[in-house]
Amino acid sequence: MKHLIKYAFTFIVLLLCSFQGFSQNDSTKSYITISIRGKAFAFFFIEDYFFRTATIGTEVFYKNKHSLGVDISFWRSRSQTDDPDPYKLYDKIEKRTYLYVDYKLKLIETKSENTWYLNSYCRTGKYVMWYTEYENDTSSINLDFINSTAEGVFTEFGLGIGVKRYFNLNRTFGIDFSANMAKRFDRNDKIVYDTGIYEKLYDVKEQYVLPFLKLNLFYMIKNE
């Protein structure tokens, strides 16, 4: 994963340098535009679920019709489980750090400054999961399983539809949202605890279909 981050950072720097060269040639019309994009926020959901995430990346457009983007992203979630009383019992914590690459094909541009597009993407990176326990002397629930952990890598491919909304007339700043369906391939090493059971599992392979919502703010640093 460290190598992927280095490659992505180098790619972003090279893009910025190359497009600086494009902008200095006023005699030739450029069909290439570029933006920077990202986000950073945290969110509570129904008190028992909390996540925080951060993204930084860039997107390159060709003739305002096609685009290719790359991001480095971080995601951490915590879900809390209570007993019937209710007392806090334990938290499940998941963390993903990944490289995200997407391609977009512009569909329509409306008078309300919305741009609709088709989206395909791939993201790949590292996954870690573990539990933390709250002190609760009144609970008789067996919590041996919270010693379980998982650590490995994942790769995910998705397709969807998205929209960009510009906040100003110059079309330089806005928000980008896409809704996707994806297939994820996990490969993890796991330590599994249960009542009287302890087991180590290596290279556990899993795959499943899931929705993926993508949101970024963006700023155009070079227009046509």
C-alpha atoms as a PDB file:
ATOM      1  CA  MET A   1       0.000   0.000   0.000  1.00  0.00           C
ATOM      2  CA  LYS A   2       2.881   2.371   0.745  1.00  0.00           C
ATOM      3  CA  HIS A   3       4.160   1.851  -2.802  1.00  0.00           C
ATOM      4  CA  LEU A   4       0.704   2.608  -4.230  1.00  0.00           C
ATOM      5  CA  ILE A   5       0.523   5.865  -2.269  1.00  0.00           C
ATOM      6  CA  LYS A   6       3.978   6.872  -3.512  1.00  0.00           C
ATOM      7  CA  TYR A   7       3.009   6.134  -7.124  1.00  0.00           C
ATOM      8  CA  ALA A   8      -0.261   8.073  -6.771  1.00  0.00           C
ATOM      9  CA  PHE A   9       1.499  11.069  -5.212  1.00  0.00           C
ATOM     10  CA  THR A  10       4.120  11.041  -8.000  1.00  0.00           C
ATOM     11  CA  PHE A  11       1.355  10.846 -10.611  1.00  0.00           C
ATOM     12  CA  ILE A  12      -0.441  13.859  -9.120  1.00  0.00           C
ATOM     13  CA  VAL A  13       2.752  15.927  -8.992  1.00  0.00           C
ATOM     14  CA  LEU A  14       3.639  15.075 -12.596  1.00  0.00           C
ATOM     15  CA  LEU A  15       0.143  16.009 -13.743  1.00  0.00           C
ATOM     16  CA  LEU A  16       0.313  19.394 -12.030  1.00  0.00           C
ATOM     17  CA  CYS A  17       3.741  20.111 -13.543  1.00  0.00           C
ATOM     18  CA  SER A  18       2.701  19.077 -17.047  1.00  0.00           C
ATOM     19  CA  PHE A  19      -0.463  21.159 -17.031  1.00  0.00           C
ATOM     20  CA  GLN A  20       1.474  24.160 -15.792  1.00  0.00           C
ATOM     21  CA  GLY A  21       3.400  23.830 -19.053  1.00  0.00           C
ATOM     22  CA  PHE A  22       0.145  23.677 -21.034  1.00  0.00           C
ATOM     23  CA  SER A  23      -1.130  26.873 -19.424  1.00  0.00           C
ATOM     24  CA  GLN A  24       1.972  28.808 -20.462  1.00  0.00           C
ATOM     25  CA  ASN A  25       1.284  28.238 -24.184  1.00  0.00           C
ATOM     26  CA  ASP A  26      -1.495  30.712 -24.977  1.00  0.00           C
ATOM     27  CA  SER A  27      -1.220  30.259 -28.754  1.00  0.00           C
ATOM     28  CA  THR A  28      -2.453  26.673 -28.649  1.00  0.00           C
ATOM     29  CA  LYS A  29      -5.933  25.771 -27.418  1.00  0.00           C
ATOM     30  CA  SER A  30      -5.791  23.009 -24.854  1.00  0.00           C
ATOM     31  CA  TYR A  31      -8.486  20.345 -24.727  1.00  0.00           C
ATOM     32  CA  ILE A  32      -7.211  19.274 -21.324  1.00  0.00           C
ATOM     33  CA  THR A  33      -8.539  20.588 -18.012  1.00  0.00           C
ATOM     34  CA  ILE A  34      -7.618  19.590 -14.481  1.00  0.00           C
ATOM     35  CA  SER A  35      -9.124  19.848 -11.008  1.00  0.00           C
ATOM     36  CA  ILE A  36      -8.132  18.986  -7.480  1.00  0.00           C
ATOM     37  CA  ARG A  37     -10.669  17.190  -5.336  1.00  0.00           C
ATOM     38  CA  GLY A  38     -11.087  15.894  -1.822  1.00  0.00           C
ATOM     39  CA  LYS A  39     -12.927  15.983   1.487  1.00  0.00           C
ATOM     40  CA  ALA A  40     -12.505  15.529   5.222  1.00  0.00           C
ATOM     41  CA  PHE A  41     -15.387  15.047   7.630  1.00  0.00           C
ATOM     42  CA  ALA A  42     -16.792  12.967  10.484  1.00  0.00           C
ATOM     43  CA  PHE A  43     -20.383  11.847  11.057  1.00  0.00           C
ATOM     44  CA  PHE A  44     -22.571  10.271  13.764  1.00  0.00           C
ATOM     45  CA  PHE A  45     -25.529   8.089  12.771  1.00  0.00           C
ATOM     46  CA  ILE A  46     -28.200   7.134  15.338  1.00  0.00           C
ATOM     47  CA  GLU A  47     -25.622   7.635  18.123  1.00  0.00           C
ATOM     48  CA  ASP A  48     -24.221   4.097  17.815  1.00  0.00           C
ATOM     49  CA  TYR A  49     -22.400   4.502  14.514  1.00  0.00           C
ATOM     50  CA  PHE A  50     -19.573   6.941  13.832  1.00  0.00           C
ATOM     51  CA  PHE A  51     -17.195   7.335  10.922  1.00  0.00           C
ATOM     52  CA  ARG A  52     -14.556   9.718   9.680  1.00  0.00           C
ATOM     53  CA  THR A  53     -12.977   9.928   6.267  1.00  0.00           C
ATOM     54  CA  ALA A  54     -10.506  11.996   4.259  1.00  0.00           C
ATOM     55  CA  THR A  55      -9.590  12.102   0.563  1.00  0.00           C
ATOM     56  CA  ILE A  56      -7.145  14.059  -1.601  1.00  0.00           C
ATOM     57  CA  GLY A  57      -6.726  13.639  -5.342  1.00  0.00           C
ATOM     58  CA  THR A  58      -6.935  15.076  -8.835  1.00  0.00           C
ATOM     59  CA  GLU A  59      -9.054  14.658 -11.962  1.00  0.00           C
ATOM     60  CA  VAL A  60      -8.060  15.263 -15.597  1.00  0.00           C
ATOM     61  CA  PHE A  61     -10.645  16.040 -18.306  1.00  0.00           C
ATOM     62  CA  TYR A  62     -10.379  15.659 -22.064  1.00  0.00           C
ATOM     63  CA  LYS A  63     -12.602  17.875 -24.266  1.00  0.00           C
ATOM     64  CA  ASN A  64     -14.956  18.237 -21.288  1.00  0.00           C
ATOM     65  CA  LYS A  65     -16.331  14.770 -22.118  1.00  0.00           C
ATOM     66  CA  HIS A  66     -14.030  12.171 -20.562  1.00  0.00           C
ATOM     67  CA  SER A  67     -12.141  12.266 -17.279  1.00  0.00           C
ATOM     68  CA  LEU A  68      -9.684  10.155 -15.327  1.00  0.00           C
ATOM     69  CA  GLY A  69      -9.187  10.675 -11.594  1.00  0.00           C
ATOM     70  CA  VAL A  70      -7.001   9.298  -8.814  1.00  0.00           C
ATOM     71  CA  ASP A  71      -7.414   9.678  -5.025  1.00  0.00           C
ATOM     72  CA  ILE A  72      -5.723   8.574  -1.837  1.00  0.00           C
ATOM     73  CA  SER A  73      -8.412   7.911   0.791  1.00  0.00           C
ATOM     74  CA  PHE A  74      -8.830   6.965   4.443  1.00  0.00           C
ATOM     75  CA  TRP A  75     -11.969   5.546   6.105  1.00  0.00           C
ATOM     76  CA  ARG A  76     -12.530   4.582   9.748  1.00  0.00           C
ATOM     77  CA  SER A  77     -15.849   3.450  11.251  1.00  0.00           C
ATOM     78  CA  ARG A  78     -16.954   2.499  14.758  1.00  0.00           C
ATOM     79  CA  SER A  79     -20.253   0.716  15.496  1.00  0.00           C
ATOM     80  CA  GLN A  80     -21.382   0.323  19.108  1.00  0.00           C
ATOM     81  CA  THR A  81     -23.451  -2.581  20.454  1.00  0.00           C
ATOM     82  CA  ASP A  82     -25.484  -2.384  23.693  1.00  0.00           C
ATOM     83  CA  ASP A  83     -27.192  -5.030  25.774  1.00  0.00           C
ATOM     84  CA  PRO A  84     -30.993  -4.900  26.411  1.00  0.00           C
ATOM     85  CA  ASP A  85     -30.656  -2.732  29.556  1.00  0.00           C
ATOM     86  CA  PRO A  86     -29.042  -0.862  27.679  1.00  0.00           C
ATOM     87  CA  TYR A  87     -25.379  -0.804  28.654  1.00  0.00           C
ATOM     88  CA  LYS A  88     -22.519  -0.352  26.242  1.00  0.00           C
ATOM     89  CA  LEU A  89     -20.921  -3.713  25.533  1.00  0.00           C
ATOM     90  CA  TYR A  90     -18.392  -3.334  22.717  1.00  0.00           C
ATOM     91  CA  ASP A  91     -17.384  -1.407  19.605  1.00  0.00           C
ATOM     92  CA  LYS A  92     -16.467  -2.881  16.266  1.00  0.00           C
ATOM     93  CA  ILE A  93     -13.834  -0.781  14.484  1.00  0.00           C
ATOM     94  CA  GLU A  94     -12.947  -1.013  10.804  1.00  0.00           C
ATOM     95  CA  LYS A  95     -10.304   0.944   8.912  1.00  0.00           C
ATOM     96  CA  ARG A  96      -9.517   1.128   5.197  1.00  0.00           C
ATOM     97  CA  THR A  97      -6.691   3.000   3.475  1.00  0.00           C
ATOM     98  CA  TYR A  98      -6.815   2.805  -0.290  1.00  0.00           C
ATOM     99  CA  LEU A  99      -5.986   4.106  -3.747  1.00  0.00           C
ATOM    100  CA  TYR A 100      -9.036   5.038  -5.846  1.00  0.00           C
ATOM    101  CA  VAL A 101      -9.046   5.433  -9.655  1.00  0.00           C
ATOM    102  CA  ASP A 102     -12.120   6.346 -11.700  1.00  0.00           C
ATOM    103  CA  TYR A 103     -13.219   7.054 -15.265  1.00  0.00           C
ATOM    104  CA  LYS A 104     -16.219   9.276 -16.059  1.00  0.00           C
ATOM    105  CA  LEU A 105     -18.169   9.737 -19.284  1.00  0.00           C
ATOM    106  CA  LYS A 106     -20.213  12.935 -19.447  1.00  0.00           C
ATOM    107  CA  LEU A 107     -23.882  12.415 -20.339  1.00  0.00           C
ATOM    108  CA  ILE A 108     -25.739  15.738 -20.173  1.00  0.00           C
ATOM    109  CA  GLU A 109     -25.235  19.238 -18.825  1.00  0.00           C
ATOM    110  CA  THR A 110     -28.351  21.048 -17.598  1.00  0.00           C
ATOM    111  CA  LYS A 111     -29.110  24.752 -17.380  1.00  0.00           C
ATOM    112  CA  SER A 112     -29.125  24.452 -13.590  1.00  0.00           C
ATOM    113  CA  GLU A 113     -25.327  23.936 -13.665  1.00  0.00           C
ATOM    114  CA  ASN A 114     -25.594  20.179 -13.115  1.00  0.00           C
ATOM    115  CA  THR A 115     -23.443  17.748 -15.087  1.00  0.00           C
ATOM    116  CA  TRP A 116     -24.526  14.086 -15.169  1.00  0.00           C
ATOM    117  CA  TYR A 117     -22.088  11.283 -15.967  1.00  0.00           C
ATOM    118  CA  LEU A 118     -21.515   7.525 -15.999  1.00  0.00           C
ATOM    119  CA  ASN A 119     -18.859   6.334 -13.585  1.00  0.00           C
ATOM    120  CA  SER A 120     -16.589   3.292 -13.344  1.00  0.00           C
ATOM    121  CA  TYR A 121     -13.965   2.861 -10.651  1.00  0.00           C
ATOM    122  CA  CYS A 122     -11.457   0.615  -8.955  1.00  0.00           C
ATOM    123  CA  ARG A 123     -10.135   0.967  -5.442  1.00  0.00           C
ATOM    124  CA  THR A 124      -7.522  -1.169  -3.753  1.00  0.00           C
ATOM    125  CA  GLY A 125      -5.843  -0.989  -0.374  1.00  0.00           C
ATOM    126  CA  LYS A 126      -5.500  -2.253   3.165  1.00  0.00           C
ATOM    127  CA  TYR A 127      -8.213  -3.368   5.617  1.00  0.00           C
ATOM    128  CA  VAL A 128      -8.049  -3.797   9.423  1.00  0.00           C
ATOM    129  CA  MET A 129     -10.820  -4.798  11.874  1.00  0.00           C
ATOM    130  CA  TRP A 130     -10.842  -5.192  15.669  1.00  0.00           C
ATOM    131  CA  TYR A 131     -13.101  -4.804  18.741  1.00  0.00           C
ATOM    132  CA  THR A 132     -12.924  -2.783  21.945  1.00  0.00           C
ATOM    133  CA  GLU A 133     -14.839  -3.696  25.118  1.00  0.00           C
ATOM    134  CA  TYR A 134     -16.651  -1.512  27.670  1.00  0.00           C
ATOM    135  CA  GLU A 135     -16.640  -2.444  31.356  1.00  0.00           C
ATOM    136  CA  ASN A 136     -20.037  -3.863  32.295  1.00  0.00           C
ATOM    137  CA  ASP A 137     -20.179  -6.069  35.392  1.00  0.00           C
ATOM    138  CA  THR A 138     -23.959  -6.598  35.130  1.00  0.00           C
ATOM    139  CA  SER A 139     -23.885  -8.303  31.728  1.00  0.00           C
ATOM    140  CA  SER A 140     -23.896 -12.110  31.513  1.00  0.00           C
ATOM    141  CA  ILE A 141     -23.322 -12.113  27.750  1.00  0.00           C
ATOM    142  CA  ASN A 142     -20.266 -14.043  26.592  1.00  0.00           C
ATOM    143  CA  LEU A 143     -18.011 -11.649  24.719  1.00  0.00           C
ATOM    144  CA  ASP A 144     -15.088 -13.939  23.897  1.00  0.00           C
ATOM    145  CA  PHE A 145     -15.526 -13.195  20.195  1.00  0.00           C
ATOM    146  CA  ILE A 146     -14.471  -9.556  20.606  1.00  0.00           C
ATOM    147  CA  ASN A 147     -10.869 -10.748  20.705  1.00  0.00           C
ATOM    148  CA  SER A 148     -11.258 -11.569  17.003  1.00  0.00           C
ATOM    149  CA  THR A 149      -9.321  -9.512  14.442  1.00  0.00           C
ATOM    150  CA  ALA A 150      -8.909  -9.308  10.667  1.00  0.00           C
ATOM    151  CA  GLU A 151      -6.154  -7.729   8.597  1.00  0.00           C
ATOM    152  CA  GLY A 152      -5.513  -7.875   4.876  1.00  0.00           C
ATOM    153  CA  VAL A 153      -6.115  -6.269   1.497  1.00  0.00           C
ATOM    154  CA  PHE A 154      -9.090  -5.650  -0.759  1.00  0.00           C
ATOM    155  CA  THR A 155      -9.828  -4.728  -4.363  1.00  0.00           C
ATOM    156  CA  GLU A 156     -13.169  -3.382  -5.532  1.00  0.00           C
ATOM    157  CA  PHE A 157     -14.689  -2.662  -8.973  1.00  0.00           C
ATOM    158  CA  GLY A 158     -17.828  -0.598  -9.445  1.00  0.00           C
ATOM    159  CA  LEU A 159     -20.185   1.085 -11.922  1.00  0.00           C
ATOM    160  CA  GLY A 160     -22.644   3.884 -11.303  1.00  0.00           C
ATOM    161  CA  ILE A 161     -24.065   7.260 -12.164  1.00  0.00           C
ATOM    162  CA  GLY A 162     -23.126  10.646 -10.728  1.00  0.00           C
ATOM    163  CA  VAL A 163     -23.736  14.370 -10.851  1.00  0.00           C
ATOM    164  CA  LYS A 164     -21.577  17.455 -10.433  1.00  0.00           C
ATOM    165  CA  ARG A 165     -23.090  20.633  -9.053  1.00  0.00           C
ATOM    166  CA  TYR A 166     -21.217  23.904  -9.549  1.00  0.00           C
ATOM    167  CA  PHE A 167     -21.436  26.576  -6.852  1.00  0.00           C
ATOM    168  CA  ASN A 168     -20.439  29.573  -9.013  1.00  0.00           C
ATOM    169  CA  LEU A 169     -21.007  30.909 -12.535  1.00  0.00           C
ATOM    170  CA  ASN A 170     -17.348  30.432 -13.475  1.00  0.00           C
ATOM    171  CA  ARG A 171     -17.786  26.673 -12.953  1.00  0.00           C
ATOM    172  CA  THR A 172     -14.610  26.414 -10.906  1.00  0.00           C
ATOM    173  CA  PHE A 173     -15.912  25.059  -7.590  1.00  0.00           C
ATOM    174  CA  GLY A 174     -18.544  22.492  -6.709  1.00  0.00           C
ATOM    175  CA  ILE A 175     -19.580  19.135  -5.299  1.00  0.00           C
ATOM    176  CA  ASP A 176     -19.400  15.731  -6.990  1.00  0.00           C
ATOM    177  CA  PHE A 177     -21.613  12.804  -5.939  1.00  0.00           C
ATOM    178  CA  SER A 178     -21.972   9.319  -7.443  1.00  0.00           C
ATOM    179  CA  ALA A 179     -23.989   6.224  -6.507  1.00  0.00           C
ATOM    180  CA  ASN A 180     -22.405   2.913  -7.506  1.00  0.00           C
ATOM    181  CA  MET A 181     -22.801  -0.831  -7.233  1.00  0.00           C
ATOM    182  CA  ALA A 182     -19.556  -2.719  -6.751  1.00  0.00           C
ATOM    183  CA  LYS A 183     -18.011  -6.131  -6.302  1.00  0.00           C
ATOM    184  CA  ARG A 184     -15.353  -6.392  -3.609  1.00  0.00           C
ATOM    185  CA  PHE A 185     -12.644  -9.030  -3.293  1.00  0.00           C
ATOM    186  CA  ASP A 186     -11.164  -9.413   0.198  1.00  0.00           C
ATOM    187  CA  ARG A 187      -8.090 -11.399   1.246  1.00  0.00           C
ATOM    188  CA  ASN A 188      -7.545 -11.352   5.015  1.00  0.00           C
ATOM    189  CA  ASP A 189      -5.679 -13.072   7.808  1.00  0.00           C
ATOM    190  CA  LYS A 190      -8.086 -13.607  10.706  1.00  0.00           C
ATOM    191  CA  ILE A 191      -7.923 -14.523  14.376  1.00  0.00           C
ATOM    192  CA  VAL A 192     -11.306 -15.948  15.362  1.00  0.00           C
ATOM    193  CA  TYR A 193     -12.436 -16.314  18.981  1.00  0.00           C
ATOM    194  CA  ASP A 194     -15.664 -17.947  20.087  1.00  0.00           C
ATOM    195  CA  THR A 195     -16.813 -19.746  23.257  1.00  0.00           C
ATOM    196  CA  GLY A 196     -13.887 -22.070  23.993  1.00  0.00           C
ATOM    197  CA  ILE A 197     -12.519 -21.720  20.447  1.00  0.00           C
ATOM    198  CA  TYR A 198      -9.400 -19.958  19.164  1.00  0.00           C
ATOM    199  CA  GLU A 199      -8.443 -20.244  15.511  1.00  0.00           C
ATOM    200  CA  LYS A 200      -6.022 -18.548  13.117  1.00  0.00           C
ATOM    201  CA  LEU A 201      -7.097 -18.358   9.484  1.00  0.00           C
ATOM    202  CA  TYR A 202      -4.672 -17.248   6.787  1.00  0.00           C
ATOM    203  CA  ASP A 203      -5.405 -15.828   3.355  1.00  0.00           C
ATOM    204  CA  VAL A 204      -9.191 -15.997   3.739  1.00  0.00           C
ATOM    205  CA  LYS A 205     -10.756 -15.000   0.408  1.00  0.00           C
ATOM    206  CA  GLU A 206     -14.230 -13.476   0.270  1.00  0.00           C
ATOM    207  CA  GLN A 207     -16.216 -11.585  -2.352  1.00  0.00           C
ATOM    208  CA  TYR A 208     -19.544  -9.824  -2.246  1.00  0.00           C
ATOM    209  CA  VAL A 209     -21.645  -7.135  -3.950  1.00  0.00           C
ATOM    210  CA  LEU A 210     -22.280  -3.845  -2.159  1.00  0.00           C
ATOM    211  CA  PRO A 211     -23.327  -0.223  -2.819  1.00  0.00           C
ATOM    212  CA  PHE A 212     -20.724   2.545  -2.737  1.00  0.00           C
ATOM    213  CA  LEU A 213     -21.475   6.267  -2.436  1.00  0.00           C
ATOM    214  CA  LYS A 214     -18.714   8.699  -3.420  1.00  0.00           C
ATOM    215  CA  LEU A 215     -18.684  12.391  -2.523  1.00  0.00           C
ATOM    216  CA  ASN A 216     -15.982  14.995  -3.155  1.00  0.00           C
ATOM    217  CA  LEU A 217     -15.574  18.735  -3.307  1.00  0.00           C
ATOM    218  CA  PHE A 218     -13.584  19.920  -6.315  1.00  0.00           C
ATOM    219  CA  TYR A 219     -11.839  23.036  -7.589  1.00  0.00           C
ATOM    220  CA  MET A 220     -10.822  23.606 -11.231  1.00  0.00           C
ATOM    221  CA  ILE A 221      -7.222  24.825 -11.328  1.00  0.00           C
ATOM    222  CA  LYS A 222      -7.013  24.911 -15.131  1.00  0.00           C
ATOM    223  CA  ASN A 223      -9.883  25.510 -17.567  1.00  0.00           C
ATOM    224  CA  GLU A 224      -9.932  25.284 -21.359  1.00  0.00           C
END
